[in-house]
Amino acid sequence: MQTMLNARSALLALALSCFSVSALVQAQPASKEFVPEVGQAGKDVVWVPTSQALVDRMLDLAKLTAKDIHYDLGSGDGRTVITAAKRGAIAFGVEYNPDMVELSRRAAAKEGVTARATFIHGDIFQTDFSKATVITLFLLPDLNVKLRPQILDMRPGTRVVSNSFTMGDWKSDETVTAKDNCTSYCTAYLWIVPAKVEGAWKSGSEELKLAQEYQMVQGSLNIGGRLSNVQNGRLRGDQISFTAGDNRYAGRVSGNTIEGTVTSGGKTAPWTATRVK
């Protein structure tokens, strides 16, 4: 009899214990879904959302298409990445705050673009974004400048668009402003990564010396002992143009070769130059 009583007591105690745990679990409030707050602290900057109007202008400025690989460095709530994915691009967002990453993933799923929108929990300064053809940023100028050497080593023609903040002495190629449905942080700057052309080049009897500061080019051209200054020198990605004397040069840079044309006296002829040092 005592054994049966002990067994019943044990079963009763177990049942009460299970009931208590169940009641405790049910009594716990459901965890709230994360909601970002404007001005919340991040690793390098506080979070301020980019207006959708400027997001659209930024991607227009970059001429983003379905052929592009897009990286948003500091992707916040993911809206720029999601917009790029909706345009058909393969888009990546790099964000240090894990809650923002999860928020972005949920938003991408809701918009049906998870196949093209990927969110990476990580540090933008430790992330490889070298495959990008378009980069977007909403960082402070000192952070842009910190990223600048890595960006300048990217493939010529890579488009970089920043919300509101510049890149130090690297002047932008274009600037636009979102005038409708945007009340703050409404300006976007575009840079196109230039090819590297500094050095000495030779084209037949011509000797060309180029100095480069970002997309701006200057130097001299020696034709049979006649020296002319390089003027109006400009790079737009891998496209170079300049004048020297009465000649107008334009071409495409591919490593140590420039192939293009020279126009003089109304006549245009093929022109090729090779870097010699």
C-alpha atoms as a PDB file:
ATOM      1  CA  MET A   1       0.000   0.000   0.000  1.00  0.00           C
ATOM      2  CA  GLN A   2       2.808   2.393   0.921  1.00  0.00           C
ATOM      3  CA  THR A   3       4.462   1.752  -2.433  1.00  0.00           C
ATOM      4  CA  MET A   4       1.246   2.623  -4.286  1.00  0.00           C
ATOM      5  CA  LEU A   5       0.844   5.832  -2.246  1.00  0.00           C
ATOM      6  CA  ASN A   6       4.418   6.834  -2.977  1.00  0.00           C
ATOM      7  CA  ALA A   7       3.899   6.208  -6.681  1.00  0.00           C
ATOM      8  CA  ARG A   8       0.702   8.264  -6.713  1.00  0.00           C
ATOM      9  CA  SER A   9       2.427  11.064  -4.808  1.00  0.00           C
ATOM     10  CA  ALA A  10       5.260  11.081  -7.304  1.00  0.00           C
ATOM     11  CA  LEU A  11       2.863  11.212 -10.260  1.00  0.00           C
ATOM     12  CA  LEU A  12       0.908  14.030  -8.636  1.00  0.00           C
ATOM     13  CA  ALA A  13       4.078  16.002  -7.980  1.00  0.00           C
ATOM     14  CA  LEU A  14       5.201  15.487 -11.588  1.00  0.00           C
ATOM     15  CA  ALA A  15       1.841  16.649 -12.920  1.00  0.00           C
ATOM     16  CA  LEU A  16       1.899  19.745 -10.724  1.00  0.00           C
ATOM     17  CA  SER A  17       5.450  20.491 -11.834  1.00  0.00           C
ATOM     18  CA  CYS A  18       4.519  20.206 -15.517  1.00  0.00           C
ATOM     19  CA  PHE A  19       1.468  22.396 -14.958  1.00  0.00           C
ATOM     20  CA  SER A  20       3.581  25.027 -13.221  1.00  0.00           C
ATOM     21  CA  VAL A  21       6.139  25.102 -16.054  1.00  0.00           C
ATOM     22  CA  SER A  22       3.376  25.297 -18.669  1.00  0.00           C
ATOM     23  CA  ALA A  23       1.629  28.089 -16.803  1.00  0.00           C
ATOM     24  CA  LEU A  24       4.927  29.956 -16.446  1.00  0.00           C
ATOM     25  CA  VAL A  25       5.653  29.667 -20.160  1.00  0.00           C
ATOM     26  CA  GLN A  26       2.168  30.864 -21.052  1.00  0.00           C
ATOM     27  CA  ALA A  27       2.481  33.743 -18.619  1.00  0.00           C
ATOM     28  CA  GLN A  28       5.703  35.008 -20.292  1.00  0.00           C
ATOM     29  CA  PRO A  29       4.950  37.921 -22.655  1.00  0.00           C
ATOM     30  CA  ALA A  30       5.728  37.268 -26.329  1.00  0.00           C
ATOM     31  CA  SER A  31       9.001  38.901 -27.413  1.00  0.00           C
ATOM     32  CA  LYS A  32       8.372  42.140 -29.304  1.00  0.00           C
ATOM     33  CA  GLU A  33       9.474  42.464 -32.912  1.00  0.00           C
ATOM     34  CA  PHE A  34      12.418  44.813 -33.261  1.00  0.00           C
ATOM     35  CA  VAL A  35      11.492  48.304 -34.416  1.00  0.00           C
ATOM     36  CA  PRO A  36      14.423  50.613 -35.330  1.00  0.00           C
ATOM     37  CA  GLU A  37      14.569  54.134 -33.940  1.00  0.00           C
ATOM     38  CA  VAL A  38      15.975  57.109 -35.799  1.00  0.00           C
ATOM     39  CA  GLY A  39      19.249  58.086 -34.143  1.00  0.00           C
ATOM     40  CA  GLN A  40      19.916  54.686 -32.590  1.00  0.00           C
ATOM     41  CA  ALA A  41      23.611  54.047 -32.083  1.00  0.00           C
ATOM     42  CA  GLY A  42      25.561  51.871 -34.503  1.00  0.00           C
ATOM     43  CA  LYS A  43      29.191  50.813 -34.727  1.00  0.00           C
ATOM     44  CA  ASP A  44      30.371  53.856 -36.702  1.00  0.00           C
ATOM     45  CA  VAL A  45      27.312  56.081 -37.151  1.00  0.00           C
ATOM     46  CA  VAL A  46      23.814  56.520 -35.791  1.00  0.00           C
ATOM     47  CA  TRP A  47      20.987  55.199 -37.945  1.00  0.00           C
ATOM     48  CA  VAL A  48      18.960  57.608 -40.049  1.00  0.00           C
ATOM     49  CA  PRO A  49      16.814  56.130 -42.832  1.00  0.00           C
ATOM     50  CA  THR A  50      17.313  57.233 -46.414  1.00  0.00           C
ATOM     51  CA  SER A  51      14.055  58.478 -47.916  1.00  0.00           C
ATOM     52  CA  GLN A  52      12.671  56.231 -50.638  1.00  0.00           C
ATOM     53  CA  ALA A  53      12.734  59.216 -52.968  1.00  0.00           C
ATOM     54  CA  LEU A  54      16.505  59.530 -52.585  1.00  0.00           C
ATOM     55  CA  VAL A  55      17.019  55.769 -52.779  1.00  0.00           C
ATOM     56  CA  ASP A  56      15.364  55.879 -56.195  1.00  0.00           C
ATOM     57  CA  ARG A  57      17.477  58.865 -57.272  1.00  0.00           C
ATOM     58  CA  MET A  58      20.677  57.200 -56.065  1.00  0.00           C
ATOM     59  CA  LEU A  59      20.041  54.051 -58.075  1.00  0.00           C
ATOM     60  CA  ASP A  60      19.017  56.129 -61.086  1.00  0.00           C
ATOM     61  CA  LEU A  61      22.249  58.096 -60.767  1.00  0.00           C
ATOM     62  CA  ALA A  62      24.224  54.844 -60.692  1.00  0.00           C
ATOM     63  CA  LYS A  63      22.300  53.650 -63.771  1.00  0.00           C
ATOM     64  CA  LEU A  64      21.740  50.373 -61.943  1.00  0.00           C
ATOM     65  CA  THR A  65      20.391  47.527 -64.099  1.00  0.00           C
ATOM     66  CA  ALA A  66      19.666  43.823 -63.763  1.00  0.00           C
ATOM     67  CA  LYS A  67      23.255  43.151 -64.884  1.00  0.00           C
ATOM     68  CA  ASP A  68      24.736  44.830 -61.797  1.00  0.00           C
ATOM     69  CA  ILE A  69      26.080  43.480 -58.526  1.00  0.00           C
ATOM     70  CA  HIS A  70      25.149  45.996 -55.865  1.00  0.00           C
ATOM     71  CA  TYR A  71      26.552  46.428 -52.346  1.00  0.00           C
ATOM     72  CA  ASP A  72      25.054  48.785 -49.781  1.00  0.00           C
ATOM     73  CA  LEU A  73      27.651  49.419 -47.071  1.00  0.00           C
ATOM     74  CA  GLY A  74      25.783  50.015 -43.840  1.00  0.00           C
ATOM     75  CA  SER A  75      22.439  48.782 -45.136  1.00  0.00           C
ATOM     76  CA  GLY A  76      20.268  49.711 -42.140  1.00  0.00           C
ATOM     77  CA  ASP A  77      16.658  48.658 -42.676  1.00  0.00           C
ATOM     78  CA  GLY A  78      17.498  47.225 -46.098  1.00  0.00           C
ATOM     79  CA  ARG A  79      15.409  49.520 -48.271  1.00  0.00           C
ATOM     80  CA  THR A  80      18.195  50.381 -50.722  1.00  0.00           C
ATOM     81  CA  VAL A  81      19.108  46.720 -51.201  1.00  0.00           C
ATOM     82  CA  ILE A  82      15.468  45.720 -51.625  1.00  0.00           C
ATOM     83  CA  THR A  83      14.901  48.491 -54.178  1.00  0.00           C
ATOM     84  CA  ALA A  84      17.979  47.388 -56.139  1.00  0.00           C
ATOM     85  CA  ALA A  85      16.762  43.780 -56.058  1.00  0.00           C
ATOM     86  CA  LYS A  86      13.358  44.873 -57.333  1.00  0.00           C
ATOM     87  CA  ARG A  87      15.174  46.396 -60.311  1.00  0.00           C
ATOM     88  CA  GLY A  88      16.678  42.986 -61.007  1.00  0.00           C
ATOM     89  CA  ALA A  89      20.188  43.492 -59.611  1.00  0.00           C
ATOM     90  CA  ILE A  90      21.924  40.999 -57.346  1.00  0.00           C
ATOM     91  CA  ALA A  91      22.099  43.084 -54.184  1.00  0.00           C
ATOM     92  CA  PHE A  92      23.951  42.704 -50.887  1.00  0.00           C
ATOM     93  CA  GLY A  93      23.597  44.690 -47.699  1.00  0.00           C
ATOM     94  CA  VAL A  94      26.344  44.784 -45.081  1.00  0.00           C
ATOM     95  CA  GLU A  95      25.098  45.750 -41.627  1.00  0.00           C
ATOM     96  CA  TYR A  96      26.714  45.520 -38.184  1.00  0.00           C
ATOM     97  CA  ASN A  97      23.483  45.481 -36.139  1.00  0.00           C
ATOM     98  CA  PRO A  98      22.056  41.920 -36.119  1.00  0.00           C
ATOM     99  CA  ASP A  99      18.544  43.169 -35.352  1.00  0.00           C
ATOM    100  CA  MET A 100      18.634  45.380 -38.439  1.00  0.00           C
ATOM    101  CA  VAL A 101      19.869  42.424 -40.497  1.00  0.00           C
ATOM    102  CA  GLU A 102      16.921  40.281 -39.408  1.00  0.00           C
ATOM    103  CA  LEU A 103      14.523  43.174 -39.990  1.00  0.00           C
ATOM    104  CA  SER A 104      15.908  43.551 -43.523  1.00  0.00           C
ATOM    105  CA  ARG A 105      15.588  39.838 -44.244  1.00  0.00           C
ATOM    106  CA  ARG A 106      11.950  39.869 -43.172  1.00  0.00           C
ATOM    107  CA  ALA A 107      11.296  42.914 -45.361  1.00  0.00           C
ATOM    108  CA  ALA A 108      12.994  41.234 -48.347  1.00  0.00           C
ATOM    109  CA  ALA A 109      10.852  38.132 -47.847  1.00  0.00           C
ATOM    110  CA  LYS A 110       7.714  40.272 -47.668  1.00  0.00           C
ATOM    111  CA  GLU A 111       8.686  41.976 -50.938  1.00  0.00           C
ATOM    112  CA  GLY A 112       9.492  38.656 -52.613  1.00  0.00           C
ATOM    113  CA  VAL A 113      13.138  39.421 -53.419  1.00  0.00           C
ATOM    114  CA  THR A 114      15.056  37.026 -51.152  1.00  0.00           C
ATOM    115  CA  ALA A 115      16.592  35.338 -54.201  1.00  0.00           C
ATOM    116  CA  ARG A 116      18.322  38.600 -55.154  1.00  0.00           C
ATOM    117  CA  ALA A 117      18.694  40.403 -51.810  1.00  0.00           C
ATOM    118  CA  THR A 118      21.254  39.088 -49.325  1.00  0.00           C
ATOM    119  CA  PHE A 119      21.981  40.687 -45.966  1.00  0.00           C
ATOM    120  CA  ILE A 120      25.340  40.133 -44.318  1.00  0.00           C
ATOM    121  CA  HIS A 121      25.902  40.653 -40.613  1.00  0.00           C
ATOM    122  CA  GLY A 122      29.374  42.121 -40.605  1.00  0.00           C
ATOM    123  CA  ASP A 123      31.753  45.064 -40.527  1.00  0.00           C
ATOM    124  CA  ILE A 124      31.993  47.063 -43.761  1.00  0.00           C
ATOM    125  CA  PHE A 125      35.746  47.493 -43.225  1.00  0.00           C
ATOM    126  CA  GLN A 126      36.240  43.721 -43.044  1.00  0.00           C
ATOM    127  CA  THR A 127      33.929  42.736 -45.880  1.00  0.00           C
ATOM    128  CA  ASP A 128      35.046  41.884 -49.406  1.00  0.00           C
ATOM    129  CA  PHE A 129      32.898  43.907 -51.803  1.00  0.00           C
ATOM    130  CA  SER A 130      35.376  43.805 -54.691  1.00  0.00           C
ATOM    131  CA  LYS A 131      32.862  42.153 -57.054  1.00  0.00           C
ATOM    132  CA  ALA A 132      30.454  45.090 -56.818  1.00  0.00           C
ATOM    133  CA  THR A 133      29.677  47.128 -59.911  1.00  0.00           C
ATOM    134  CA  VAL A 134      27.557  49.563 -57.872  1.00  0.00           C
ATOM    135  CA  ILE A 135      28.165  50.674 -54.268  1.00  0.00           C
ATOM    136  CA  THR A 136      25.852  52.811 -52.179  1.00  0.00           C
ATOM    137  CA  LEU A 137      26.749  54.556 -48.920  1.00  0.00           C
ATOM    138  CA  PHE A 138      25.228  56.700 -46.200  1.00  0.00           C
ATOM    139  CA  LEU A 139      28.280  57.226 -44.024  1.00  0.00           C
ATOM    140  CA  LEU A 140      30.130  60.209 -42.616  1.00  0.00           C
ATOM    141  CA  PRO A 141      32.904  61.775 -44.755  1.00  0.00           C
ATOM    142  CA  ASP A 142      35.759  60.354 -42.657  1.00  0.00           C
ATOM    143  CA  LEU A 143      34.370  56.840 -43.140  1.00  0.00           C
ATOM    144  CA  ASN A 144      34.013  57.414 -46.883  1.00  0.00           C
ATOM    145  CA  VAL A 145      37.639  58.540 -46.991  1.00  0.00           C
ATOM    146  CA  LYS A 146      38.664  55.469 -45.007  1.00  0.00           C
ATOM    147  CA  LEU A 147      36.980  53.273 -47.634  1.00  0.00           C
ATOM    148  CA  ARG A 148      38.370  55.318 -50.523  1.00  0.00           C
ATOM    149  CA  PRO A 149      41.652  53.401 -51.139  1.00  0.00           C
ATOM    150  CA  GLN A 150      39.772  50.118 -51.365  1.00  0.00           C
ATOM    151  CA  ILE A 151      37.221  51.658 -53.719  1.00  0.00           C
ATOM    152  CA  LEU A 152      39.891  53.191 -55.975  1.00  0.00           C
ATOM    153  CA  ASP A 153      41.450  49.733 -56.401  1.00  0.00           C
ATOM    154  CA  MET A 154      38.184  48.374 -57.781  1.00  0.00           C
ATOM    155  CA  ARG A 155      37.424  47.727 -61.415  1.00  0.00           C
ATOM    156  CA  PRO A 156      37.370  50.959 -63.460  1.00  0.00           C
ATOM    157  CA  GLY A 157      33.791  51.959 -64.142  1.00  0.00           C
ATOM    158  CA  THR A 158      32.459  50.856 -60.753  1.00  0.00           C
ATOM    159  CA  ARG A 159      29.802  53.406 -59.702  1.00  0.00           C
ATOM    160  CA  VAL A 160      29.749  54.706 -56.144  1.00  0.00           C
ATOM    161  CA  VAL A 161      26.830  56.757 -54.839  1.00  0.00           C
ATOM    162  CA  SER A 162      26.752  58.444 -51.429  1.00  0.00           C
ATOM    163  CA  ASN A 163      23.819  59.956 -49.606  1.00  0.00           C
ATOM    164  CA  SER A 164      24.771  63.519 -48.589  1.00  0.00           C
ATOM    165  CA  PHE A 165      28.432  62.992 -47.696  1.00  0.00           C
ATOM    166  CA  THR A 166      31.505  63.417 -49.902  1.00  0.00           C
ATOM    167  CA  MET A 167      34.876  61.679 -50.250  1.00  0.00           C
ATOM    168  CA  GLY A 168      37.290  64.366 -49.214  1.00  0.00           C
ATOM    169  CA  ASP A 169      39.280  65.791 -52.112  1.00  0.00           C
ATOM    170  CA  TRP A 170      37.962  63.201 -54.576  1.00  0.00           C
ATOM    171  CA  LYS A 171      35.404  65.369 -56.348  1.00  0.00           C
ATOM    172  CA  SER A 172      32.186  63.722 -57.469  1.00  0.00           C
ATOM    173  CA  ASP A 173      31.427  63.168 -61.147  1.00  0.00           C
ATOM    174  CA  GLU A 174      27.761  64.045 -60.747  1.00  0.00           C
ATOM    175  CA  THR A 175      25.369  65.364 -58.090  1.00  0.00           C
ATOM    176  CA  VAL A 176      21.586  65.142 -57.901  1.00  0.00           C
ATOM    177  CA  THR A 177      18.921  66.198 -55.404  1.00  0.00           C
ATOM    178  CA  ALA A 178      15.587  64.575 -54.623  1.00  0.00           C
ATOM    179  CA  LYS A 179      13.163  67.489 -54.491  1.00  0.00           C
ATOM    180  CA  ASP A 180       9.907  65.593 -53.979  1.00  0.00           C
ATOM    181  CA  ASN A 181       9.026  63.458 -50.937  1.00  0.00           C
ATOM    182  CA  CYS A 182      12.350  64.164 -49.263  1.00  0.00           C
ATOM    183  CA  THR A 183      12.815  66.575 -46.361  1.00  0.00           C
ATOM    184  CA  SER A 184      16.368  65.888 -45.150  1.00  0.00           C
ATOM    185  CA  TYR A 185      19.507  64.232 -46.515  1.00  0.00           C
ATOM    186  CA  CYS A 186      18.262  64.683 -50.070  1.00  0.00           C
ATOM    187  CA  THR A 187      21.502  64.992 -52.091  1.00  0.00           C
ATOM    188  CA  ALA A 188      23.355  62.147 -53.796  1.00  0.00           C
ATOM    189  CA  TYR A 189      26.928  62.172 -55.112  1.00  0.00           C
ATOM    190  CA  LEU A 190      28.279  59.877 -57.830  1.00  0.00           C
ATOM    191  CA  TRP A 191      31.869  58.788 -58.369  1.00  0.00           C
ATOM    192  CA  ILE A 192      33.007  56.513 -61.165  1.00  0.00           C
ATOM    193  CA  VAL A 193      36.166  54.580 -60.308  1.00  0.00           C
ATOM    194  CA  PRO A 194      38.816  55.746 -62.810  1.00  0.00           C
ATOM    195  CA  ALA A 195      41.398  53.619 -64.557  1.00  0.00           C
ATOM    196  CA  LYS A 196      45.007  54.136 -63.463  1.00  0.00           C
ATOM    197  CA  VAL A 197      46.944  55.938 -66.188  1.00  0.00           C
ATOM    198  CA  GLU A 198      49.776  57.710 -64.416  1.00  0.00           C
ATOM    199  CA  GLY A 199      53.120  57.066 -66.060  1.00  0.00           C
ATOM    200  CA  ALA A 200      54.937  57.204 -69.397  1.00  0.00           C
ATOM    201  CA  TRP A 201      53.246  56.024 -72.592  1.00  0.00           C
ATOM    202  CA  LYS A 202      54.495  55.613 -76.145  1.00  0.00           C
ATOM    203  CA  SER A 203      52.601  55.726 -79.435  1.00  0.00           C
ATOM    204  CA  GLY A 204      54.910  55.392 -82.395  1.00  0.00           C
ATOM    205  CA  SER A 205      57.124  58.481 -82.235  1.00  0.00           C
ATOM    206  CA  GLU A 206      54.873  60.138 -79.664  1.00  0.00           C
ATOM    207  CA  GLU A 207      55.867  60.160 -76.017  1.00  0.00           C
ATOM    208  CA  LEU A 208      53.064  60.812 -73.558  1.00  0.00           C
ATOM    209  CA  LYS A 209      53.578  61.501 -69.860  1.00  0.00           C
ATOM    210  CA  LEU A 210      50.515  61.502 -67.640  1.00  0.00           C
ATOM    211  CA  ALA A 211      49.965  62.566 -64.049  1.00  0.00           C
ATOM    212  CA  GLN A 212      46.670  61.656 -62.414  1.00  0.00           C
ATOM    213  CA  GLU A 213      44.593  62.927 -59.503  1.00  0.00           C
ATOM    214  CA  TYR A 214      41.561  60.674 -59.297  1.00  0.00           C
ATOM    215  CA  GLN A 215      39.633  61.230 -62.568  1.00  0.00           C
ATOM    216  CA  MET A 216      41.600  64.352 -63.558  1.00  0.00           C
ATOM    217  CA  VAL A 217      44.608  63.971 -65.867  1.00  0.00           C
ATOM    218  CA  GLN A 218      47.409  66.286 -66.929  1.00  0.00           C
ATOM    219  CA  GLY A 219      50.860  65.894 -68.422  1.00  0.00           C
ATOM    220  CA  SER A 220      52.761  66.442 -71.671  1.00  0.00           C
ATOM    221  CA  LEU A 221      52.976  65.039 -75.184  1.00  0.00           C
ATOM    222  CA  ASN A 222      56.210  65.027 -77.135  1.00  0.00           C
ATOM    223  CA  ILE A 223      55.886  64.611 -80.913  1.00  0.00           C
ATOM    224  CA  GLY A 224      59.280  64.702 -82.655  1.00  0.00           C
ATOM    225  CA  GLY A 225      60.700  67.121 -80.112  1.00  0.00           C
ATOM    226  CA  ARG A 226      57.628  69.351 -80.100  1.00  0.00           C
ATOM    227  CA  LEU A 227      56.225  69.459 -76.581  1.00  0.00           C
ATOM    228  CA  SER A 228      52.559  70.170 -75.836  1.00  0.00           C
ATOM    229  CA  ASN A 229      50.745  70.253 -72.517  1.00  0.00           C
ATOM    230  CA  VAL A 230      47.953  67.782 -71.910  1.00  0.00           C
ATOM    231  CA  GLN A 231      44.794  69.775 -71.265  1.00  0.00           C
ATOM    232  CA  ASN A 232      41.188  68.958 -70.367  1.00  0.00           C
ATOM    233  CA  GLY A 233      42.325  65.492 -69.361  1.00  0.00           C
ATOM    234  CA  ARG A 234      39.539  63.410 -67.895  1.00  0.00           C
ATOM    235  CA  LEU A 235      38.748  59.824 -67.017  1.00  0.00           C
ATOM    236  CA  ARG A 236      35.290  58.346 -66.747  1.00  0.00           C
ATOM    237  CA  GLY A 237      35.876  54.792 -65.718  1.00  0.00           C
ATOM    238  CA  ASP A 238      38.108  53.281 -68.379  1.00  0.00           C
ATOM    239  CA  GLN A 239      37.385  56.058 -70.895  1.00  0.00           C
ATOM    240  CA  ILE A 240      40.036  58.761 -71.269  1.00  0.00           C
ATOM    241  CA  SER A 241      39.985  62.003 -73.221  1.00  0.00           C
ATOM    242  CA  PHE A 242      42.385  64.944 -73.483  1.00  0.00           C
ATOM    243  CA  THR A 243      43.775  67.532 -75.851  1.00  0.00           C
ATOM    244  CA  ALA A 244      47.394  68.254 -76.684  1.00  0.00           C
ATOM    245  CA  GLY A 245      48.285  70.991 -79.121  1.00  0.00           C
ATOM    246  CA  ASP A 246      45.795  70.810 -81.975  1.00  0.00           C
ATOM    247  CA  ASN A 247      44.985  67.156 -81.345  1.00  0.00           C
ATOM    248  CA  ARG A 248      42.037  65.660 -79.525  1.00  0.00           C
ATOM    249  CA  TYR A 249      42.539  62.162 -78.089  1.00  0.00           C
ATOM    250  CA  ALA A 250      39.907  59.716 -76.831  1.00  0.00           C
ATOM    251  CA  GLY A 251      40.221  56.072 -75.982  1.00  0.00           C
ATOM    252  CA  ARG A 252      39.641  53.127 -73.700  1.00  0.00           C
ATOM    253  CA  VAL A 253      42.214  52.121 -71.093  1.00  0.00           C
ATOM    254  CA  SER A 254      42.874  48.419 -70.657  1.00  0.00           C
ATOM    255  CA  GLY A 255      45.751  47.843 -68.264  1.00  0.00           C
ATOM    256  CA  ASN A 256      48.864  49.126 -70.006  1.00  0.00           C
ATOM    257  CA  THR A 257      47.174  49.895 -73.321  1.00  0.00           C
ATOM    258  CA  ILE A 258      45.020  52.746 -74.583  1.00  0.00           C
ATOM    259  CA  GLU A 259      43.114  52.193 -77.799  1.00  0.00           C
ATOM    260  CA  GLY A 260      41.118  54.968 -79.389  1.00  0.00           C
ATOM    261  CA  THR A 261      41.281  57.817 -81.859  1.00  0.00           C
ATOM    262  CA  VAL A 262      43.069  61.099 -82.451  1.00  0.00           C
ATOM    263  CA  THR A 263      41.304  63.955 -84.196  1.00  0.00           C
ATOM    264  CA  SER A 264      43.269  66.725 -85.873  1.00  0.00           C
ATOM    265  CA  GLY A 265      42.270  69.198 -88.561  1.00  0.00           C
ATOM    266  CA  GLY A 266      38.843  67.649 -88.815  1.00  0.00           C
ATOM    267  CA  LYS A 267      40.246  64.202 -89.549  1.00  0.00           C
ATOM    268  CA  THR A 268      40.042  61.238 -87.150  1.00  0.00           C
ATOM    269  CA  ALA A 269      42.473  58.337 -87.161  1.00  0.00           C
ATOM    270  CA  PRO A 270      43.076  55.271 -84.950  1.00  0.00           C
ATOM    271  CA  TRP A 271      45.454  55.797 -82.062  1.00  0.00           C
ATOM    272  CA  THR A 272      47.090  53.329 -79.662  1.00  0.00           C
ATOM    273  CA  ALA A 273      49.472  53.948 -76.790  1.00  0.00           C
ATOM    274  CA  THR A 274      51.388  51.525 -74.579  1.00  0.00           C
ATOM    275  CA  ARG A 275      52.619  52.251 -71.069  1.00  0.00           C
ATOM    276  CA  VAL A 276      56.394  51.913 -70.852  1.00  0.00           C
ATOM    277  CA  LYS A 277      56.811  52.763 -67.169  1.00  0.00           C
END
